Structures are given as structure tokens and as C-alpha cells.
Amino acid sequence: MAILNAKNLSLAEVDRLFGFQMQFDGSFTPLLSLERLSQFEQQELLQIRDDFRNYLTEGKVLEGLVKALTIFPLLRLAGFYRSPIKISLEEDIDRINIEDEDTLITGRYDILAINRTIRTTTDTYFWVLVIESKNSSVAPSAGLPQLLTYAYNSLERQRSVWGLTTNGELCQFVYIQPGTPPTYQLMPLLNLMESERSIEILQVLKAICKLQQS
């Protein structure tokens, strides 16, 4: 039996192994209610942007710093550190058995947000958001194969899951749903360095967090 690590899979391989079908021109509007940011939230967002820019202007920002400078502050500001949402970091996924291929797929997700008040099985909670981060010199699309692989198991237990792949500057949100075939919608690419797009990044994160607490 072949054992593959998700980080080595291409998007074409992920689509073939899991049967995923990409849907283009995704839109946040029918899925999320984006609320106006407060003055405080906008100021905090500017600080996150400026802090990251200070490092970005000096050269490549490594993955760990991308998380520390952008992802973690944004999650805090969006409400992901408050009950009932809980954050897990860098944990192994359940092995995925592709019987037709005689293949096992392993991996370790970067960040996972779950809702501790909603169980999907006896020992599994609802997946709210799964995040894959890359260093600043790598396009967010490079994290899509891993993101889809990590989210795949959750599709057996819930109707959808949100994903985010980011290099700190660019954010690619993905809406993933089960079905025959399972699908993923690529949302508009958002840039933390652009004022309106950075506001939308935080609005989307807040809406995803709030949606799962309602």
C-alpha cells in the first residue's frame, strides 16, 4: 500500500483521488453576512497590516512569522479565541484510505477552528475553519491541495466547511461541500495590503465565526 503525504500532492492529484470539482466565481454574499467594522477593528486591522509590511519590505517572511503577524491577530480580532470556538495547531489528520488506489494519505494541518458545542460524531466536533499557511514568497494556491485534503474527512459529517490558504499578504477563502462530486468554490482573492480588501478579510472571518455560533 502506498502512503502519501498531503503536502506532496498536486491539485490534479487531489481532484483525482477525492473526486473534487472546482467551481469558479464564488461569492461571499449568498453565504455570509458581512458586517461593517467598528473604528477599533479598523485601527487594529491597520496595525496588523503595518506590522506585516515592516517584515515584508525586508524580504521573504517565513511561515511561522506569517502566522504570528497576520493569522493569529486576525483570528483574535474576528472572535475565534472565544467560546464555543477552539483553535488547534499542527495536529495530524486521520489517515484517509483511498481503497481504489490502495493508498493511505497522511498530513498535518496548520490551524483548525472547531465549535465545541456541536458534535458531528461521538469524539469529533464541527469544523468551522481550516487554515493552511505558506511563506510570503509562495502563492496561496500552493496550499490548496493540502487544504482540500485536510477538509475531506469532515465532509462525511457536515454539510460544508470553510477553508483559508494564505501567505500573509494574499488570502484565498474556499467554500467546500460534500456531494457527488464534492465541490469547492474559490472566493475572490483578497489582499491584506489593500485597504478595502483587508477590511473584507476581517469581515469574512467574523462572519464565518459568527455563523457557527448562531
N, C-alpha and C. Protein backbone atom coordinates (compact mmCIF):
# COMPACT_ATOMS: atom_id res chain seq x y z
N MET A 1 0.84 -1.20 0.00
CA MET A 1 0.00 0.00 0.00
C MET A 1 0.87 1.24 0.00
N ALA A 2 0.55 2.19 -0.88
CA ALA A 2 1.30 3.44 -0.94
C ALA A 2 0.82 4.38 0.15
N ILE A 3 1.77 5.11 0.76
CA ILE A 3 1.44 6.11 1.77
C ILE A 3 1.93 7.46 1.25
N LEU A 4 1.00 8.39 1.08
CA LEU A 4 1.32 9.71 0.53
C LEU A 4 1.08 10.77 1.59
N ASN A 5 1.95 11.78 1.60
CA ASN A 5 1.76 12.92 2.48
C ASN A 5 1.05 14.03 1.71
N ALA A 6 0.05 14.63 2.33
CA ALA A 6 -0.75 15.64 1.66
C ALA A 6 0.09 16.80 1.12
N LYS A 7 1.19 17.13 1.82
CA LYS A 7 1.99 18.28 1.40
C LYS A 7 2.69 18.05 0.06
N ASN A 8 2.73 16.77 -0.39
CA ASN A 8 3.41 16.46 -1.64
C ASN A 8 2.43 16.27 -2.80
N LEU A 9 1.14 16.43 -2.54
CA LEU A 9 0.14 16.21 -3.58
C LEU A 9 -0.09 17.47 -4.41
N SER A 10 -0.32 17.29 -5.70
CA SER A 10 -0.71 18.39 -6.57
C SER A 10 -2.22 18.54 -6.54
N LEU A 11 -2.72 19.66 -7.05
CA LEU A 11 -4.15 19.86 -7.09
C LEU A 11 -4.82 18.84 -8.01
N ALA A 12 -4.16 18.50 -9.11
CA ALA A 12 -4.71 17.49 -10.02
C ALA A 12 -4.83 16.14 -9.32
N GLU A 13 -3.84 15.77 -8.51
CA GLU A 13 -3.89 14.51 -7.78
C GLU A 13 -5.00 14.51 -6.75
N VAL A 14 -5.17 15.63 -6.05
CA VAL A 14 -6.24 15.73 -5.05
C VAL A 14 -7.60 15.60 -5.73
N ASP A 15 -7.79 16.30 -6.84
CA ASP A 15 -9.05 16.21 -7.57
C ASP A 15 -9.33 14.77 -8.01
N ARG A 16 -8.30 14.07 -8.47
CA ARG A 16 -8.48 12.69 -8.94
C ARG A 16 -8.75 11.73 -7.78
N LEU A 17 -8.00 11.86 -6.70
CA LEU A 17 -8.14 10.93 -5.58
C LEU A 17 -9.47 11.07 -4.86
N PHE A 18 -9.93 12.32 -4.71
CA PHE A 18 -11.14 12.58 -3.92
C PHE A 18 -12.36 12.92 -4.76
N GLY A 19 -12.15 13.12 -6.06
CA GLY A 19 -13.27 13.44 -6.94
C GLY A 19 -13.74 14.88 -6.85
N PHE A 20 -12.91 15.77 -6.29
CA PHE A 20 -13.31 17.17 -6.15
C PHE A 20 -13.54 17.83 -7.52
N GLN A 21 -14.47 18.75 -7.53
CA GLN A 21 -14.73 19.57 -8.72
C GLN A 21 -14.68 21.04 -8.31
N MET A 22 -13.88 21.81 -9.03
CA MET A 22 -13.73 23.23 -8.72
C MET A 22 -14.87 24.04 -9.32
N GLN A 23 -15.38 24.99 -8.54
CA GLN A 23 -16.37 25.93 -9.03
C GLN A 23 -15.78 27.34 -8.97
N PHE A 24 -15.82 28.04 -10.08
CA PHE A 24 -15.22 29.37 -10.16
C PHE A 24 -16.23 30.45 -9.80
N ASP A 25 -15.71 31.67 -9.70
CA ASP A 25 -16.55 32.86 -9.49
C ASP A 25 -17.41 32.75 -8.24
N GLY A 26 -16.81 32.23 -7.17
CA GLY A 26 -17.54 32.16 -5.90
C GLY A 26 -17.80 33.56 -5.36
N SER A 27 -18.82 33.69 -4.55
CA SER A 27 -19.18 34.98 -3.96
C SER A 27 -19.50 34.79 -2.49
N PHE A 28 -19.04 35.72 -1.65
CA PHE A 28 -19.33 35.65 -0.22
C PHE A 28 -20.80 35.97 0.08
N THR A 29 -21.40 36.80 -0.76
CA THR A 29 -22.70 37.39 -0.44
C THR A 29 -23.80 36.38 -0.12
N PRO A 30 -24.00 35.33 -0.92
CA PRO A 30 -25.11 34.42 -0.60
C PRO A 30 -24.83 33.54 0.61
N LEU A 31 -23.56 33.46 1.03
CA LEU A 31 -23.16 32.53 2.08
C LEU A 31 -22.96 33.19 3.43
N LEU A 32 -22.52 34.44 3.42
CA LEU A 32 -22.16 35.12 4.66
C LEU A 32 -22.76 36.52 4.71
N SER A 33 -23.02 36.97 5.92
CA SER A 33 -23.48 38.34 6.13
C SER A 33 -22.30 39.17 6.64
N LEU A 34 -21.77 40.03 5.77
CA LEU A 34 -20.59 40.83 6.12
C LEU A 34 -21.02 42.13 6.78
N GLU A 35 -20.60 42.32 8.02
CA GLU A 35 -21.00 43.49 8.79
C GLU A 35 -19.93 44.57 8.76
N ARG A 36 -20.36 45.79 8.93
CA ARG A 36 -19.46 46.94 8.98
C ARG A 36 -18.52 46.82 10.18
N LEU A 37 -17.25 47.14 9.99
CA LEU A 37 -16.28 47.08 11.08
C LEU A 37 -16.37 48.33 11.95
N SER A 38 -16.10 48.15 13.23
CA SER A 38 -16.04 49.30 14.14
C SER A 38 -14.74 50.07 13.90
N GLN A 39 -14.67 51.27 14.44
CA GLN A 39 -13.45 52.07 14.33
C GLN A 39 -12.28 51.37 14.99
N PHE A 40 -12.53 50.75 16.12
CA PHE A 40 -11.48 49.99 16.82
C PHE A 40 -10.96 48.86 15.94
N GLU A 41 -11.86 48.09 15.33
CA GLU A 41 -11.45 46.97 14.49
C GLU A 41 -10.64 47.45 13.28
N GLN A 42 -11.04 48.58 12.72
CA GLN A 42 -10.29 49.11 11.58
C GLN A 42 -8.88 49.55 11.98
N GLN A 43 -8.76 50.14 13.16
CA GLN A 43 -7.44 50.55 13.65
C GLN A 43 -6.56 49.33 13.92
N GLU A 44 -7.13 48.31 14.52
CA GLU A 44 -6.38 47.08 14.78
C GLU A 44 -5.95 46.43 13.47
N LEU A 45 -6.82 46.46 12.49
CA LEU A 45 -6.51 45.89 11.18
C LEU A 45 -5.36 46.64 10.52
N LEU A 46 -5.36 47.95 10.62
CA LEU A 46 -4.25 48.75 10.09
C LEU A 46 -2.93 48.39 10.76
N GLN A 47 -2.99 48.15 12.07
CA GLN A 47 -1.77 47.78 12.79
C GLN A 47 -1.23 46.43 12.33
N ILE A 48 -2.14 45.46 12.11
CA ILE A 48 -1.73 44.15 11.61
C ILE A 48 -1.08 44.30 10.24
N ARG A 49 -1.68 45.11 9.38
CA ARG A 49 -1.14 45.33 8.04
C ARG A 49 0.23 45.99 8.11
N ASP A 50 0.37 47.01 8.95
CA ASP A 50 1.65 47.74 9.04
C ASP A 50 2.74 46.86 9.64
N ASP A 51 2.39 46.06 10.64
CA ASP A 51 3.38 45.15 11.24
C ASP A 51 3.90 44.17 10.20
N PHE A 52 2.99 43.61 9.41
CA PHE A 52 3.40 42.64 8.39
C PHE A 52 4.21 43.31 7.29
N ARG A 53 3.81 44.52 6.90
CA ARG A 53 4.53 45.24 5.86
C ARG A 53 5.98 45.52 6.27
N ASN A 54 6.19 45.83 7.55
CA ASN A 54 7.55 46.09 8.03
C ASN A 54 8.47 44.90 7.80
N TYR A 55 7.93 43.70 7.97
CA TYR A 55 8.74 42.50 7.72
C TYR A 55 8.82 42.19 6.23
N LEU A 56 7.72 42.41 5.51
CA LEU A 56 7.67 42.08 4.10
C LEU A 56 8.64 42.92 3.28
N THR A 57 8.82 44.15 3.66
CA THR A 57 9.73 45.02 2.90
C THR A 57 11.19 44.60 3.05
N GLU A 58 11.50 43.81 4.07
CA GLU A 58 12.87 43.34 4.28
C GLU A 58 13.18 42.04 3.56
N GLY A 59 12.16 41.43 2.97
CA GLY A 59 12.37 40.18 2.25
C GLY A 59 11.31 39.15 2.59
N LYS A 60 11.59 37.91 2.26
CA LYS A 60 10.64 36.82 2.48
C LYS A 60 10.29 36.68 3.96
N VAL A 61 8.99 36.55 4.24
CA VAL A 61 8.52 36.31 5.60
C VAL A 61 8.21 34.82 5.73
N LEU A 62 8.89 34.15 6.64
CA LEU A 62 8.72 32.71 6.79
C LEU A 62 7.34 32.36 7.36
N GLU A 63 6.95 31.12 7.17
CA GLU A 63 5.59 30.67 7.51
C GLU A 63 5.23 30.94 8.97
N GLY A 64 6.17 30.67 9.88
CA GLY A 64 5.88 30.90 11.29
C GLY A 64 5.57 32.35 11.59
N LEU A 65 6.31 33.26 10.96
CA LEU A 65 6.05 34.69 11.16
C LEU A 65 4.76 35.13 10.48
N VAL A 66 4.42 34.51 9.34
CA VAL A 66 3.15 34.81 8.69
C VAL A 66 2.00 34.54 9.65
N LYS A 67 2.08 33.41 10.35
CA LYS A 67 1.05 33.07 11.34
C LYS A 67 1.03 34.09 12.48
N ALA A 68 2.22 34.38 13.02
CA ALA A 68 2.31 35.26 14.19
C ALA A 68 1.87 36.69 13.88
N LEU A 69 2.21 37.18 12.69
CA LEU A 69 1.96 38.58 12.35
C LEU A 69 0.57 38.83 11.77
N THR A 70 0.00 37.83 11.10
CA THR A 70 -1.27 38.06 10.41
C THR A 70 -2.39 37.13 10.87
N ILE A 71 -2.19 35.83 10.77
CA ILE A 71 -3.29 34.89 11.02
C ILE A 71 -3.77 34.95 12.47
N PHE A 72 -2.86 34.82 13.42
CA PHE A 72 -3.27 34.80 14.82
C PHE A 72 -3.94 36.11 15.25
N PRO A 73 -3.38 37.28 14.91
CA PRO A 73 -4.07 38.52 15.27
C PRO A 73 -5.45 38.66 14.61
N LEU A 74 -5.55 38.24 13.36
CA LEU A 74 -6.84 38.32 12.67
C LEU A 74 -7.88 37.40 13.30
N LEU A 75 -7.45 36.19 13.67
CA LEU A 75 -8.37 35.27 14.32
C LEU A 75 -8.85 35.82 15.66
N ARG A 76 -7.92 36.43 16.40
CA ARG A 76 -8.30 37.02 17.69
C ARG A 76 -9.32 38.13 17.48
N LEU A 77 -9.04 39.00 16.52
CA LEU A 77 -9.92 40.13 16.26
C LEU A 77 -11.29 39.68 15.76
N ALA A 78 -11.33 38.56 15.04
CA ALA A 78 -12.58 38.06 14.48
C ALA A 78 -13.41 37.27 15.50
N GLY A 79 -12.82 36.96 16.66
CA GLY A 79 -13.57 36.27 17.70
C GLY A 79 -13.34 34.78 17.80
N PHE A 80 -12.33 34.27 17.11
CA PHE A 80 -12.09 32.83 17.11
C PHE A 80 -11.49 32.29 18.40
N TYR A 81 -11.05 33.16 19.30
CA TYR A 81 -10.48 32.68 20.55
C TYR A 81 -11.53 32.61 21.66
N ARG A 82 -12.76 32.96 21.34
CA ARG A 82 -13.82 32.97 22.35
C ARG A 82 -14.68 31.72 22.24
N SER A 83 -15.20 31.28 23.39
CA SER A 83 -16.11 30.13 23.43
C SER A 83 -17.35 30.42 22.58
N PRO A 84 -17.84 29.42 21.84
CA PRO A 84 -17.50 27.99 21.88
C PRO A 84 -16.44 27.56 20.88
N ILE A 85 -15.81 28.51 20.18
CA ILE A 85 -14.78 28.16 19.20
C ILE A 85 -13.47 27.86 19.92
N LYS A 86 -12.79 26.80 19.48
CA LYS A 86 -11.48 26.44 19.99
C LYS A 86 -10.52 26.24 18.81
N ILE A 87 -9.26 26.61 19.03
CA ILE A 87 -8.23 26.53 17.99
C ILE A 87 -7.28 25.37 18.29
N SER A 88 -6.97 24.58 17.26
CA SER A 88 -5.95 23.53 17.35
C SER A 88 -4.85 23.85 16.35
N LEU A 89 -3.61 23.53 16.72
CA LEU A 89 -2.47 23.84 15.86
C LEU A 89 -1.68 22.58 15.52
N GLU A 90 -1.34 22.44 14.25
CA GLU A 90 -0.39 21.46 13.75
C GLU A 90 -0.62 20.07 14.34
N GLU A 91 -1.81 19.53 14.09
CA GLU A 91 -2.12 18.18 14.52
C GLU A 91 -2.31 17.27 13.30
N ASP A 92 -1.99 15.99 13.48
CA ASP A 92 -2.15 15.02 12.39
C ASP A 92 -3.62 14.80 12.08
N ILE A 93 -3.93 14.65 10.82
CA ILE A 93 -5.28 14.30 10.42
C ILE A 93 -5.47 12.78 10.52
N ASP A 94 -6.72 12.34 10.57
CA ASP A 94 -7.00 10.91 10.45
C ASP A 94 -6.55 10.46 9.07
N ARG A 95 -5.88 9.30 9.03
CA ARG A 95 -5.43 8.80 7.73
C ARG A 95 -6.62 8.55 6.82
N ILE A 96 -6.46 8.93 5.57
CA ILE A 96 -7.51 8.77 4.57
C ILE A 96 -7.16 7.58 3.69
N ASN A 97 -8.05 6.60 3.67
CA ASN A 97 -7.83 5.38 2.89
C ASN A 97 -8.54 5.49 1.55
N ILE A 98 -7.76 5.53 0.48
CA ILE A 98 -8.31 5.53 -0.88
C ILE A 98 -8.25 4.09 -1.38
N GLU A 99 -9.35 3.34 -1.20
CA GLU A 99 -9.33 1.90 -1.45
C GLU A 99 -9.05 1.57 -2.91
N ASP A 100 -9.65 2.34 -3.83
CA ASP A 100 -9.45 2.05 -5.26
C ASP A 100 -8.01 2.22 -5.69
N GLU A 101 -7.27 3.05 -4.94
CA GLU A 101 -5.88 3.34 -5.29
C GLU A 101 -4.91 2.56 -4.41
N ASP A 102 -5.45 1.81 -3.42
CA ASP A 102 -4.61 1.12 -2.43
C ASP A 102 -3.60 2.10 -1.84
N THR A 103 -4.15 3.24 -1.38
CA THR A 103 -3.32 4.36 -0.93
C THR A 103 -3.83 4.92 0.39
N LEU A 104 -2.90 5.24 1.28
CA LEU A 104 -3.20 5.97 2.51
C LEU A 104 -2.62 7.37 2.40
N ILE A 105 -3.39 8.37 2.82
CA ILE A 105 -2.91 9.74 2.79
C ILE A 105 -2.81 10.27 4.21
N THR A 106 -1.66 10.83 4.53
CA THR A 106 -1.42 11.40 5.84
C THR A 106 -1.20 12.90 5.71
N GLY A 107 -1.16 13.59 6.82
CA GLY A 107 -0.90 15.02 6.78
C GLY A 107 -1.04 15.65 8.15
N ARG A 108 -0.68 16.92 8.22
CA ARG A 108 -0.75 17.68 9.46
C ARG A 108 -1.23 19.08 9.12
N TYR A 109 -2.45 19.43 9.58
CA TYR A 109 -2.98 20.75 9.27
C TYR A 109 -2.28 21.83 10.09
N ASP A 110 -2.28 23.05 9.58
CA ASP A 110 -1.65 24.17 10.29
C ASP A 110 -2.53 24.65 11.44
N ILE A 111 -3.76 25.07 11.11
CA ILE A 111 -4.67 25.64 12.10
C ILE A 111 -6.08 25.13 11.82
N LEU A 112 -6.76 24.72 12.88
CA LEU A 112 -8.15 24.27 12.75
C LEU A 112 -8.98 24.92 13.85
N ALA A 113 -10.10 25.52 13.46
CA ALA A 113 -11.06 26.07 14.42
C ALA A 113 -12.29 25.16 14.45
N ILE A 114 -12.66 24.73 15.66
CA ILE A 114 -13.82 23.86 15.82
C ILE A 114 -14.84 24.52 16.76
N ASN A 115 -16.07 24.06 16.67
CA ASN A 115 -17.12 24.50 17.59
C ASN A 115 -17.34 23.39 18.61
N ARG A 116 -16.98 23.66 19.86
CA ARG A 116 -17.02 22.64 20.90
C ARG A 116 -18.43 22.33 21.40
N THR A 117 -19.43 23.05 20.90
CA THR A 117 -20.81 22.76 21.32
C THR A 117 -21.55 21.90 20.30
N ILE A 118 -20.93 21.64 19.15
CA ILE A 118 -21.56 20.85 18.10
C ILE A 118 -20.72 19.61 17.81
N ARG A 119 -21.23 18.45 18.15
CA ARG A 119 -20.53 17.20 17.84
C ARG A 119 -21.06 16.63 16.51
N THR A 120 -20.14 16.19 15.67
CA THR A 120 -20.54 15.53 14.43
C THR A 120 -20.45 14.01 14.56
N THR A 121 -19.61 13.54 15.48
CA THR A 121 -19.59 12.14 15.91
C THR A 121 -19.33 12.15 17.41
N THR A 122 -19.23 10.98 18.00
CA THR A 122 -19.04 10.88 19.45
C THR A 122 -17.78 11.62 19.90
N ASP A 123 -16.72 11.54 19.10
CA ASP A 123 -15.44 12.14 19.50
C ASP A 123 -14.96 13.22 18.54
N THR A 124 -15.85 13.78 17.72
CA THR A 124 -15.46 14.78 16.73
C THR A 124 -16.38 15.99 16.81
N TYR A 125 -15.78 17.17 16.76
CA TYR A 125 -16.55 18.41 16.80
C TYR A 125 -16.66 19.02 15.40
N PHE A 126 -17.59 19.95 15.27
CA PHE A 126 -17.83 20.63 14.00
C PHE A 126 -16.62 21.46 13.59
N TRP A 127 -16.17 21.26 12.35
CA TRP A 127 -15.06 22.05 11.81
C TRP A 127 -15.61 23.38 11.28
N VAL A 128 -15.12 24.48 11.84
CA VAL A 128 -15.56 25.81 11.43
C VAL A 128 -14.67 26.35 10.31
N LEU A 129 -13.36 26.26 10.50
CA LEU A 129 -12.42 26.83 9.54
C LEU A 129 -11.09 26.09 9.64
N VAL A 130 -10.57 25.66 8.49
CA VAL A 130 -9.25 25.05 8.44
C VAL A 130 -8.34 25.97 7.62
N ILE A 131 -7.13 26.21 8.13
CA ILE A 131 -6.23 27.19 7.53
C ILE A 131 -4.90 26.54 7.16
N GLU A 132 -4.42 26.82 5.98
CA GLU A 132 -3.11 26.39 5.52
C GLU A 132 -2.29 27.64 5.21
N SER A 133 -1.14 27.78 5.83
CA SER A 133 -0.30 28.97 5.63
C SER A 133 0.96 28.62 4.85
N LYS A 134 1.45 29.61 4.12
CA LYS A 134 2.69 29.49 3.35
C LYS A 134 3.55 30.72 3.63
N ASN A 135 4.84 30.65 3.27
CA ASN A 135 5.66 31.84 3.42
C ASN A 135 5.28 32.86 2.37
N SER A 136 5.73 34.09 2.56
CA SER A 136 5.25 35.21 1.74
C SER A 136 5.63 35.12 0.27
N SER A 137 6.60 34.29 -0.07
CA SER A 137 7.03 34.19 -1.46
C SER A 137 6.27 33.11 -2.23
N VAL A 138 5.38 32.38 -1.55
CA VAL A 138 4.63 31.29 -2.17
C VAL A 138 3.18 31.73 -2.37
N ALA A 139 2.64 31.46 -3.54
CA ALA A 139 1.25 31.83 -3.83
C ALA A 139 0.29 31.03 -2.94
N PRO A 140 -0.79 31.63 -2.48
CA PRO A 140 -1.76 30.89 -1.66
C PRO A 140 -2.29 29.63 -2.33
N SER A 141 -2.37 29.64 -3.65
CA SER A 141 -2.88 28.47 -4.38
C SER A 141 -2.05 27.22 -4.12
N ALA A 142 -0.79 27.40 -3.71
CA ALA A 142 0.06 26.25 -3.43
C ALA A 142 -0.43 25.47 -2.22
N GLY A 143 -1.20 26.12 -1.36
CA GLY A 143 -1.72 25.45 -0.17
C GLY A 143 -3.06 24.77 -0.40
N LEU A 144 -3.65 24.94 -1.58
CA LEU A 144 -4.98 24.40 -1.83
C LEU A 144 -5.05 22.88 -1.79
N PRO A 145 -4.08 22.15 -2.36
CA PRO A 145 -4.15 20.68 -2.27
C PRO A 145 -4.18 20.18 -0.82
N GLN A 146 -3.34 20.75 0.04
CA GLN A 146 -3.33 20.35 1.44
C GLN A 146 -4.65 20.71 2.12
N LEU A 147 -5.13 21.90 1.86
CA LEU A 147 -6.37 22.37 2.48
C LEU A 147 -7.53 21.43 2.14
N LEU A 148 -7.67 21.07 0.88
CA LEU A 148 -8.76 20.19 0.46
C LEU A 148 -8.62 18.80 1.07
N THR A 149 -7.39 18.32 1.14
CA THR A 149 -7.15 17.00 1.72
C THR A 149 -7.55 16.98 3.19
N TYR A 150 -7.14 18.01 3.93
CA TYR A 150 -7.44 18.05 5.36
C TYR A 150 -8.94 18.17 5.61
N ALA A 151 -9.62 18.90 4.74
CA ALA A 151 -11.06 19.11 4.92
C ALA A 151 -11.89 17.92 4.48
N TYR A 152 -11.32 17.01 3.72
CA TYR A 152 -12.09 15.94 3.09
C TYR A 152 -12.85 15.08 4.09
N ASN A 153 -12.19 14.64 5.16
CA ASN A 153 -12.85 13.78 6.14
C ASN A 153 -14.05 14.45 6.79
N SER A 154 -13.95 15.77 7.01
CA SER A 154 -15.05 16.48 7.67
C SER A 154 -16.31 16.48 6.83
N LEU A 155 -16.17 16.32 5.51
CA LEU A 155 -17.32 16.36 4.62
C LEU A 155 -18.24 15.16 4.81
N GLU A 156 -17.75 14.10 5.44
CA GLU A 156 -18.60 12.96 5.73
C GLU A 156 -19.55 13.25 6.88
N ARG A 157 -19.26 14.32 7.64
CA ARG A 157 -20.01 14.57 8.89
C ARG A 157 -20.75 15.90 8.91
N GLN A 158 -20.50 16.77 7.94
CA GLN A 158 -21.16 18.07 7.94
C GLN A 158 -21.39 18.54 6.51
N ARG A 159 -22.28 19.54 6.38
CA ARG A 159 -22.74 19.95 5.05
C ARG A 159 -21.77 20.87 4.33
N SER A 160 -20.83 21.45 5.04
CA SER A 160 -19.85 22.34 4.41
C SER A 160 -18.73 22.64 5.39
N VAL A 161 -17.63 23.13 4.88
CA VAL A 161 -16.55 23.61 5.73
C VAL A 161 -15.83 24.75 4.99
N TRP A 162 -15.45 25.78 5.73
CA TRP A 162 -14.69 26.88 5.16
C TRP A 162 -13.20 26.60 5.28
N GLY A 163 -12.47 27.02 4.27
CA GLY A 163 -11.02 26.91 4.29
C GLY A 163 -10.38 28.24 3.94
N LEU A 164 -9.15 28.41 4.36
CA LEU A 164 -8.37 29.61 4.03
C LEU A 164 -6.93 29.20 3.80
N THR A 165 -6.38 29.57 2.67
CA THR A 165 -4.96 29.40 2.42
C THR A 165 -4.36 30.78 2.19
N THR A 166 -3.23 31.07 2.84
CA THR A 166 -2.70 32.44 2.81
C THR A 166 -1.18 32.45 2.93
N ASN A 167 -0.58 33.47 2.34
CA ASN A 167 0.84 33.74 2.54
C ASN A 167 1.04 35.02 3.35
N GLY A 168 0.00 35.43 4.05
CA GLY A 168 0.06 36.65 4.85
C GLY A 168 -0.47 37.84 4.09
N GLU A 169 0.03 38.05 2.92
CA GLU A 169 -0.41 39.19 2.10
C GLU A 169 -1.72 38.86 1.36
N LEU A 170 -1.78 37.70 0.73
CA LEU A 170 -2.93 37.29 -0.05
C LEU A 170 -3.71 36.21 0.68
N CYS A 171 -5.03 36.33 0.66
CA CYS A 171 -5.91 35.37 1.33
C CYS A 171 -6.88 34.77 0.33
N GLN A 172 -6.88 33.43 0.24
CA GLN A 172 -7.81 32.72 -0.64
C GLN A 172 -8.77 31.90 0.22
N PHE A 173 -10.01 32.39 0.35
CA PHE A 173 -11.03 31.62 1.06
C PHE A 173 -11.64 30.60 0.11
N VAL A 174 -12.01 29.44 0.68
CA VAL A 174 -12.56 28.35 -0.11
C VAL A 174 -13.77 27.79 0.63
N TYR A 175 -14.87 27.60 -0.10
CA TYR A 175 -16.08 27.01 0.47
C TYR A 175 -16.21 25.60 -0.07
N ILE A 176 -16.17 24.61 0.83
CA ILE A 176 -16.07 23.21 0.44
C ILE A 176 -17.34 22.47 0.86
N GLN A 177 -17.92 21.69 -0.06
CA GLN A 177 -19.16 20.98 0.22
C GLN A 177 -19.07 19.52 -0.24
N PRO A 178 -19.75 18.62 0.47
CA PRO A 178 -19.82 17.23 0.03
C PRO A 178 -20.77 17.09 -1.14
N GLY A 179 -20.82 15.92 -1.70
CA GLY A 179 -21.74 15.68 -2.81
C GLY A 179 -21.14 14.69 -3.79
N THR A 180 -21.82 14.50 -4.89
CA THR A 180 -21.33 13.61 -5.94
C THR A 180 -21.25 14.40 -7.25
N PRO A 181 -20.13 15.08 -7.50
CA PRO A 181 -18.88 15.04 -6.73
C PRO A 181 -18.86 16.11 -5.63
N PRO A 182 -17.91 15.98 -4.67
CA PRO A 182 -17.69 17.09 -3.73
C PRO A 182 -17.15 18.29 -4.49
N THR A 183 -17.47 19.48 -4.01
CA THR A 183 -17.08 20.70 -4.73
C THR A 183 -16.36 21.68 -3.81
N TYR A 184 -15.59 22.57 -4.44
CA TYR A 184 -15.01 23.68 -3.70
C TYR A 184 -15.09 24.94 -4.56
N GLN A 185 -15.57 26.01 -3.92
CA GLN A 185 -15.68 27.31 -4.59
C GLN A 185 -14.53 28.20 -4.16
N LEU A 186 -13.81 28.74 -5.12
CA LEU A 186 -12.75 29.70 -4.84
C LEU A 186 -13.36 31.09 -4.76
N MET A 187 -13.24 31.71 -3.60
CA MET A 187 -13.76 33.05 -3.41
C MET A 187 -12.77 34.09 -3.99
N PRO A 188 -13.19 35.34 -4.16
CA PRO A 188 -12.27 36.36 -4.69
C PRO A 188 -11.01 36.47 -3.83
N LEU A 189 -9.87 36.57 -4.48
CA LEU A 189 -8.59 36.69 -3.78
C LEU A 189 -8.51 38.06 -3.11
N LEU A 190 -8.18 38.07 -1.81
CA LEU A 190 -8.14 39.31 -1.04
C LEU A 190 -6.71 39.64 -0.62
N ASN A 191 -6.37 40.93 -0.65
CA ASN A 191 -5.02 41.39 -0.38
C ASN A 191 -5.00 42.23 0.90
N LEU A 192 -4.22 41.79 1.88
CA LEU A 192 -4.13 42.49 3.16
C LEU A 192 -3.56 43.90 2.99
N MET A 193 -2.77 44.13 1.95
CA MET A 193 -2.14 45.43 1.75
C MET A 193 -3.07 46.46 1.12
N GLU A 194 -4.22 46.02 0.63
CA GLU A 194 -5.20 46.93 0.03
C GLU A 194 -6.30 47.23 1.05
N SER A 195 -6.59 48.49 1.26
CA SER A 195 -7.47 48.90 2.34
C SER A 195 -8.83 48.21 2.31
N GLU A 196 -9.54 48.29 1.20
CA GLU A 196 -10.88 47.71 1.12
C GLU A 196 -10.84 46.19 1.22
N ARG A 197 -9.85 45.58 0.60
CA ARG A 197 -9.76 44.12 0.63
C ARG A 197 -9.37 43.62 2.02
N SER A 198 -8.52 44.38 2.72
CA SER A 198 -8.15 43.97 4.08
C SER A 198 -9.36 44.01 5.00
N ILE A 199 -10.21 45.01 4.82
CA ILE A 199 -11.45 45.09 5.60
C ILE A 199 -12.32 43.87 5.32
N GLU A 200 -12.36 43.46 4.06
CA GLU A 200 -13.18 42.30 3.69
C GLU A 200 -12.64 41.02 4.31
N ILE A 201 -11.32 40.92 4.42
CA ILE A 201 -10.73 39.73 5.06
C ILE A 201 -11.27 39.57 6.47
N LEU A 202 -11.23 40.64 7.23
CA LEU A 202 -11.72 40.57 8.61
C LEU A 202 -13.23 40.37 8.64
N GLN A 203 -13.96 41.01 7.76
CA GLN A 203 -15.41 40.83 7.71
C GLN A 203 -15.77 39.36 7.45
N VAL A 204 -15.06 38.74 6.54
CA VAL A 204 -15.32 37.33 6.21
C VAL A 204 -15.02 36.44 7.41
N LEU A 205 -13.87 36.66 8.05
CA LEU A 205 -13.51 35.86 9.22
C LEU A 205 -14.55 36.01 10.33
N LYS A 206 -14.99 37.25 10.57
CA LYS A 206 -16.01 37.49 11.60
C LYS A 206 -17.32 36.78 11.24
N ALA A 207 -17.69 36.82 9.97
CA ALA A 207 -18.95 36.21 9.56
C ALA A 207 -18.90 34.70 9.69
N ILE A 208 -17.76 34.09 9.34
CA ILE A 208 -17.62 32.64 9.48
C ILE A 208 -17.71 32.25 10.94
N CYS A 209 -17.02 32.99 11.79
CA CYS A 209 -17.04 32.72 13.23
C CYS A 209 -18.45 32.89 13.79
N LYS A 210 -19.11 33.96 13.44
CA LYS A 210 -20.44 34.26 13.98
C LYS A 210 -21.47 33.27 13.45
N LEU A 211 -21.33 32.84 12.20
CA LEU A 211 -22.27 31.92 11.60
C LEU A 211 -22.35 30.62 12.39
N GLN A 212 -21.20 30.17 12.89
CA GLN A 212 -21.16 28.90 13.60
C GLN A 212 -21.52 29.03 15.07
N GLN A 213 -21.79 30.23 15.52
CA GLN A 213 -22.20 30.42 16.91
C GLN A 213 -23.68 30.77 17.02
N SER A 214 -24.35 30.89 15.87
CA SER A 214 -25.76 31.29 15.88
C SER A 214 -26.67 30.08 16.07
